PDB file of N, CA and C in Angstrom:
ATOM      1  N   MET A   1       3.799  18.840  37.727  1.00  0.00           N
ATOM      2  CA  MET A   1       4.243  17.541  37.263  1.00  0.00           C
ATOM      3  C   MET A   1       4.327  17.565  35.736  1.00  0.00           C
ATOM      4  N   GLN A   2       5.408  17.025  35.222  1.00  0.00           N
ATOM      5  CA  GLN A   2       5.637  17.047  33.783  1.00  0.00           C
ATOM      6  C   GLN A   2       5.012  15.823  33.113  1.00  0.00           C
ATOM      7  N   GLU A   3       4.331  16.073  32.003  1.00  0.00           N
ATOM      8  CA  GLU A   3       3.697  14.986  31.265  1.00  0.00           C
ATOM      9  C   GLU A   3       4.760  14.184  30.509  1.00  0.00           C
ATOM     10  N   LYS A   4       4.635  12.852  30.547  1.00  0.00           N
ATOM     11  CA  LYS A   4       5.575  11.990  29.834  1.00  0.00           C
ATOM     12  C   LYS A   4       5.163  11.880  28.368  1.00  0.00           C
ATOM     13  N   ASN A   5       6.125  12.001  27.501  1.00  0.00           N
ATOM     14  CA  ASN A   5       5.895  11.810  26.076  1.00  0.00           C
ATOM     15  C   ASN A   5       6.534  10.498  25.665  1.00  0.00           C
ATOM     16  N   TYR A   6       5.696   9.555  25.252  1.00  0.00           N
ATOM     17  CA  TYR A   6       6.189   8.253  24.853  1.00  0.00           C
ATOM     18  C   TYR A   6       6.444   8.216  23.349  1.00  0.00           C
ATOM     19  N   LEU A   7       7.453   7.507  22.981  1.00  0.00           N
ATOM     20  CA  LEU A   7       7.776   7.299  21.582  1.00  0.00           C
ATOM     21  C   LEU A   7       6.713   6.408  20.947  1.00  0.00           C
ATOM     22  N   LYS A   8       6.281   6.779  19.757  1.00  0.00           N
ATOM     23  CA  LYS A   8       5.298   5.980  19.022  1.00  0.00           C
ATOM     24  C   LYS A   8       6.014   5.263  17.891  1.00  0.00           C
ATOM     25  N   LEU A   9       5.454   4.136  17.494  1.00  0.00           N
ATOM     26  CA  LEU A   9       6.069   3.331  16.447  1.00  0.00           C
ATOM     27  C   LEU A   9       6.285   4.142  15.169  1.00  0.00           C
ATOM     28  N   ASN A  10       5.333   4.973  14.803  1.00  0.00           N
ATOM     29  CA  ASN A  10       5.467   5.777  13.579  1.00  0.00           C
ATOM     30  C   ASN A  10       6.486   6.898  13.701  1.00  0.00           C
ATOM     31  N   ASP A  11       7.034   7.102  14.901  1.00  0.00           N
ATOM     32  CA  ASP A  11       8.097   8.093  15.094  1.00  0.00           C
ATOM     33  C   ASP A  11       9.473   7.519  14.783  1.00  0.00           C
ATOM     34  N   ILE A  12       9.563   6.231  14.608  1.00  0.00           N
ATOM     35  CA  ILE A  12      10.841   5.567  14.358  1.00  0.00           C
ATOM     36  C   ILE A  12      11.105   5.558  12.853  1.00  0.00           C
ATOM     37  N   SER A  13      12.175   6.233  12.449  1.00  0.00           N
ATOM     38  CA  SER A  13      12.443   6.377  11.014  1.00  0.00           C
ATOM     39  C   SER A  13      12.746   5.038  10.337  1.00  0.00           C
ATOM     40  N   ALA A  14      13.377   4.121  11.049  1.00  0.00           N
ATOM     41  CA  ALA A  14      13.667   2.802  10.465  1.00  0.00           C
ATOM     42  C   ALA A  14      12.374   2.052  10.160  1.00  0.00           C
ATOM     43  N   TYR A  15      11.382   2.196  11.018  1.00  0.00           N
ATOM     44  CA  TYR A  15      10.094   1.537  10.783  1.00  0.00           C
ATOM     45  C   TYR A  15       9.397   2.168   9.574  1.00  0.00           C
ATOM     46  N   LYS A  16       9.349   3.493   9.547  1.00  0.00           N
ATOM     47  CA  LYS A  16       8.679   4.166   8.436  1.00  0.00           C
ATOM     48  C   LYS A  16       9.364   3.844   7.110  1.00  0.00           C
ATOM     49  N   GLY A  17      10.688   3.829   7.113  1.00  0.00           N
ATOM     50  CA  GLY A  17      11.413   3.516   5.887  1.00  0.00           C
ATOM     51  C   GLY A  17      11.167   2.099   5.419  1.00  0.00           C
ATOM     52  N   SER A  18      11.178   1.153   6.349  1.00  0.00           N
ATOM     53  CA  SER A  18      10.952  -0.244   5.971  1.00  0.00           C
ATOM     54  C   SER A  18       9.515  -0.473   5.535  1.00  0.00           C
ATOM     55  N   PHE A  19       8.579   0.261   6.122  1.00  0.00           N
ATOM     56  CA  PHE A  19       7.177   0.149   5.720  1.00  0.00           C
ATOM     57  C   PHE A  19       6.997   0.647   4.285  1.00  0.00           C
ATOM     58  N   HIS A  20       7.622   1.777   3.957  1.00  0.00           N
ATOM     59  CA  HIS A  20       7.543   2.300   2.595  1.00  0.00           C
ATOM     60  C   HIS A  20       8.258   1.383   1.603  1.00  0.00           C
ATOM     61  N   LEU A  21       9.372   0.813   2.022  1.00  0.00           N
ATOM     62  CA  LEU A  21      10.078  -0.146   1.171  1.00  0.00           C
ATOM     63  C   LEU A  21       9.194  -1.358   0.878  1.00  0.00           C
ATOM     64  N   SER A  22       8.503  -1.825   1.892  1.00  0.00           N
ATOM     65  CA  SER A  22       7.601  -2.965   1.734  1.00  0.00           C
ATOM     66  C   SER A  22       6.517  -2.660   0.705  1.00  0.00           C
ATOM     67  N   ASN A  23       5.911  -1.489   0.802  1.00  0.00           N
ATOM     68  CA  ASN A  23       4.882  -1.108  -0.178  1.00  0.00           C
ATOM     69  C   ASN A  23       5.462  -0.988  -1.580  1.00  0.00           C
ATOM     70  N   TYR A  24       6.660  -0.443  -1.682  1.00  0.00           N
ATOM     71  CA  TYR A  24       7.330  -0.314  -2.974  1.00  0.00           C
ATOM     72  C   TYR A  24       7.565  -1.691  -3.607  1.00  0.00           C
ATOM     73  N   VAL A  25       8.064  -2.628  -2.812  1.00  0.00           N
ATOM     74  CA  VAL A  25       8.335  -3.981  -3.312  1.00  0.00           C
ATOM     75  C   VAL A  25       7.045  -4.674  -3.729  1.00  0.00           C
ATOM     76  N   TRP A  26       6.003  -4.577  -2.898  1.00  0.00           N
ATOM     77  CA  TRP A  26       4.725  -5.185  -3.253  1.00  0.00           C
ATOM     78  C   TRP A  26       4.206  -4.637  -4.579  1.00  0.00           C
ATOM     79  N   ASN A  27       4.275  -3.326  -4.751  1.00  0.00           N
ATOM     80  CA  ASN A  27       3.794  -2.714  -5.996  1.00  0.00           C
ATOM     81  C   ASN A  27       4.620  -3.142  -7.197  1.00  0.00           C
ATOM     82  N   ALA A  28       5.886  -3.412  -7.009  1.00  0.00           N
ATOM     83  CA  ALA A  28       6.741  -3.881  -8.098  1.00  0.00           C
ATOM     84  C   ALA A  28       6.461  -5.348  -8.411  1.00  0.00           C
ATOM     85  N   VAL A  29       6.414  -6.175  -7.380  1.00  0.00           N
ATOM     86  CA  VAL A  29       6.257  -7.629  -7.568  1.00  0.00           C
ATOM     87  C   VAL A  29       4.906  -7.964  -8.189  1.00  0.00           C
ATOM     88  N   VAL A  30       3.882  -7.219  -7.840  1.00  0.00           N
ATOM     89  CA  VAL A  30       2.547  -7.518  -8.369  1.00  0.00           C
ATOM     90  C   VAL A  30       2.498  -7.405  -9.892  1.00  0.00           C
ATOM     91  N   LYS A  31       3.421  -6.679 -10.482  1.00  0.00           N
ATOM     92  CA  LYS A  31       3.454  -6.494 -11.936  1.00  0.00           C
ATOM     93  C   LYS A  31       4.257  -7.582 -12.657  1.00  0.00           C
ATOM     94  N   TRP A  32       4.945  -8.422 -11.904  1.00  0.00           N
ATOM     95  CA  TRP A  32       5.764  -9.472 -12.517  1.00  0.00           C
ATOM     96  C   TRP A  32       4.870 -10.562 -13.100  1.00  0.00           C
ATOM     97  N   ASP A  33       5.435 -11.366 -14.021  1.00  0.00           N
ATOM     98  CA  ASP A  33       4.666 -12.489 -14.561  1.00  0.00           C
ATOM     99  C   ASP A  33       4.519 -13.583 -13.491  1.00  0.00           C
ATOM    100  N   TYR A  34       3.636 -14.519 -13.756  1.00  0.00           N
ATOM    101  CA  TYR A  34       3.291 -15.532 -12.753  1.00  0.00           C
ATOM    102  C   TYR A  34       4.513 -16.304 -12.248  1.00  0.00           C
ATOM    103  N   PHE A  35       5.372 -16.751 -13.146  1.00  0.00           N
ATOM    104  CA  PHE A  35       6.517 -17.558 -12.745  1.00  0.00           C
ATOM    105  C   PHE A  35       7.442 -16.776 -11.811  1.00  0.00           C
ATOM    106  N   ALA A  36       7.737 -15.542 -12.151  1.00  0.00           N
ATOM    107  CA  ALA A  36       8.617 -14.717 -11.317  1.00  0.00           C
ATOM    108  C   ALA A  36       7.987 -14.454  -9.951  1.00  0.00           C
ATOM    109  N   LYS A  37       6.689 -14.159  -9.929  1.00  0.00           N
ATOM    110  CA  LYS A  37       6.007 -13.930  -8.654  1.00  0.00           C
ATOM    111  C   LYS A  37       6.017 -15.188  -7.797  1.00  0.00           C
ATOM    112  N   ASP A  38       5.765 -16.329  -8.427  1.00  0.00           N
ATOM    113  CA  ASP A  38       5.641 -17.577  -7.679  1.00  0.00           C
ATOM    114  C   ASP A  38       6.981 -18.076  -7.152  1.00  0.00           C
ATOM    115  N   THR A  39       8.057 -17.806  -7.849  1.00  0.00           N
ATOM    116  CA  THR A  39       9.361 -18.317  -7.419  1.00  0.00           C
ATOM    117  C   THR A  39      10.110 -17.329  -6.536  1.00  0.00           C
ATOM    118  N   VAL A  40      10.352 -16.150  -7.037  1.00  0.00           N
ATOM    119  CA  VAL A  40      11.157 -15.160  -6.312  1.00  0.00           C
ATOM    120  C   VAL A  40      10.285 -14.143  -5.579  1.00  0.00           C
ATOM    121  N   GLY A  41       9.206 -13.725  -6.203  1.00  0.00           N
ATOM    122  CA  GLY A  41       8.386 -12.640  -5.673  1.00  0.00           C
ATOM    123  C   GLY A  41       7.815 -12.894  -4.300  1.00  0.00           C
ATOM    124  N   LYS A  42       7.272 -14.086  -4.084  1.00  0.00           N
ATOM    125  CA  LYS A  42       6.677 -14.401  -2.779  1.00  0.00           C
ATOM    126  C   LYS A  42       7.712 -14.321  -1.666  1.00  0.00           C
ATOM    127  N   GLN A  43       8.854 -14.932  -1.900  1.00  0.00           N
ATOM    128  CA  GLN A  43       9.903 -14.948  -0.886  1.00  0.00           C
ATOM    129  C   GLN A  43      10.456 -13.542  -0.651  1.00  0.00           C
ATOM    130  N   PHE A  44      10.656 -12.791  -1.701  1.00  0.00           N
ATOM    131  CA  PHE A  44      11.182 -11.436  -1.603  1.00  0.00           C
ATOM    132  C   PHE A  44      10.217 -10.538  -0.823  1.00  0.00           C
ATOM    133  N   ALA A  45       8.928 -10.602  -1.161  1.00  0.00           N
ATOM    134  CA  ALA A  45       7.934  -9.781  -0.481  1.00  0.00           C
ATOM    135  C   ALA A  45       7.831 -10.148   0.998  1.00  0.00           C
ATOM    136  N   ARG A  46       7.856 -11.438   1.321  1.00  0.00           N
ATOM    137  CA  ARG A  46       7.804 -11.851   2.733  1.00  0.00           C
ATOM    138  C   ARG A  46       9.022 -11.376   3.505  1.00  0.00           C
ATOM    139  N   ALA A  47      10.191 -11.455   2.877  1.00  0.00           N
ATOM    140  CA  ALA A  47      11.420 -11.020   3.538  1.00  0.00           C
ATOM    141  C   ALA A  47      11.390  -9.519   3.827  1.00  0.00           C
ATOM    142  N   ILE A  48      10.950  -8.749   2.858  1.00  0.00           N
ATOM    143  CA  ILE A  48      10.879  -7.296   3.043  1.00  0.00           C
ATOM    144  C   ILE A  48       9.812  -6.943   4.082  1.00  0.00           C
ATOM    145  N   ASP A  49       8.674  -7.622   4.054  1.00  0.00           N
ATOM    146  CA  ASP A  49       7.618  -7.372   5.044  1.00  0.00           C
ATOM    147  C   ASP A  49       8.098  -7.660   6.463  1.00  0.00           C
ATOM    148  N   SER A  50       8.954  -8.652   6.601  1.00  0.00           N
ATOM    149  CA  SER A  50       9.392  -9.039   7.947  1.00  0.00           C
ATOM    150  C   SER A  50      10.278  -7.978   8.598  1.00  0.00           C
ATOM    151  N   ILE A  51      10.882  -7.096   7.816  1.00  0.00           N
ATOM    152  CA  ILE A  51      11.718  -6.049   8.389  1.00  0.00           C
ATOM    153  C   ILE A  51      10.870  -5.142   9.283  1.00  0.00           C
ATOM    154  N   SER A  52       9.805  -4.568   8.736  1.00  0.00           N
ATOM    155  CA  SER A  52       8.964  -3.684   9.547  1.00  0.00           C
ATOM    156  C   SER A  52       8.231  -4.461  10.636  1.00  0.00           C
ATOM    157  N   ALA A  53       7.872  -5.707  10.359  1.00  0.00           N
ATOM    158  CA  ALA A  53       7.211  -6.521  11.380  1.00  0.00           C
ATOM    159  C   ALA A  53       8.141  -6.775  12.567  1.00  0.00           C
ATOM    160  N   ASN A  54       9.399  -7.035  12.311  1.00  0.00           N
ATOM    161  CA  ASN A  54      10.351  -7.272  13.395  1.00  0.00           C
ATOM    162  C   ASN A  54      10.615  -5.998  14.196  1.00  0.00           C
ATOM    163  N   ILE A  55      10.658  -4.864  13.529  1.00  0.00           N
ATOM    164  CA  ILE A  55      10.832  -3.590  14.241  1.00  0.00           C
ATOM    165  C   ILE A  55       9.621  -3.352  15.147  1.00  0.00           C
ATOM    166  N   ALA A  56       8.422  -3.576  14.633  1.00  0.00           N
ATOM    167  CA  ALA A  56       7.208  -3.383  15.425  1.00  0.00           C
ATOM    168  C   ALA A  56       7.172  -4.351  16.610  1.00  0.00           C
ATOM    169  N   GLU A  57       7.573  -5.583  16.383  1.00  0.00           N
ATOM    170  CA  GLU A  57       7.586  -6.568  17.465  1.00  0.00           C
ATOM    171  C   GLU A  57       8.568  -6.164  18.554  1.00  0.00           C
ATOM    172  N   GLY A  58       9.748  -5.721  18.156  1.00  0.00           N
ATOM    173  CA  GLY A  58      10.737  -5.283  19.130  1.00  0.00           C
ATOM    174  C   GLY A  58      10.298  -4.039  19.879  1.00  0.00           C
ATOM    175  N   PHE A  59       9.592  -3.145  19.196  1.00  0.00           N
ATOM    176  CA  PHE A  59       9.099  -1.919  19.816  1.00  0.00           C
ATOM    177  C   PHE A  59       8.088  -2.231  20.911  1.00  0.00           C
ATOM    178  N   GLY A  60       7.240  -3.212  20.678  1.00  0.00           N
ATOM    179  CA  GLY A  60       6.196  -3.556  21.640  1.00  0.00           C
ATOM    180  C   GLY A  60       6.618  -4.530  22.717  1.00  0.00           C
ATOM    181  N   ARG A  61       7.858  -4.935  22.708  1.00  0.00           N
ATOM    182  CA  ARG A  61       8.322  -5.961  23.647  1.00  0.00           C
ATOM    183  C   ARG A  61       8.264  -5.493  25.097  1.00  0.00           C
ATOM    184  N   TYR A  62       8.590  -4.251  25.341  1.00  0.00           N
ATOM    185  CA  TYR A  62       8.628  -3.744  26.714  1.00  0.00           C
ATOM    186  C   TYR A  62       7.520  -2.711  26.890  1.00  0.00           C
ATOM    187  N   LYS A  63       6.765  -2.870  27.955  1.00  0.00           N
ATOM    188  CA  LYS A  63       5.668  -1.915  28.152  1.00  0.00           C
ATOM    189  C   LYS A  63       6.154  -0.639  28.810  1.00  0.00           C
ATOM    190  N   LYS A  64       5.395   0.402  28.611  1.00  0.00           N
ATOM    191  CA  LYS A  64       5.735   1.725  29.146  1.00  0.00           C
ATOM    192  C   LYS A  64       5.434   1.775  30.641  1.00  0.00           C
ATOM    193  N   GLY A  65       6.215   2.585  31.302  1.00  0.00           N
ATOM    194  CA  GLY A  65       5.870   2.878  32.677  1.00  0.00           C
ATOM    195  C   GLY A  65       6.739   2.246  33.621  1.00  0.00           C
TER     196      GLY A  65
END
């Protein structure tokens, strides 16, 4: 009997890329002045974070087996 190999979330290149993009944006935004962070930075960081979150949510939608 052949063992099944399931795809893992970290095997998906779109997820890994969006996760790294999210970290890059966070590291950039944290250096901005207060006004920029409070107006644009918060929204920008949340939008970028939601990319990898949506990929992870879609990945877990259907169970294996």
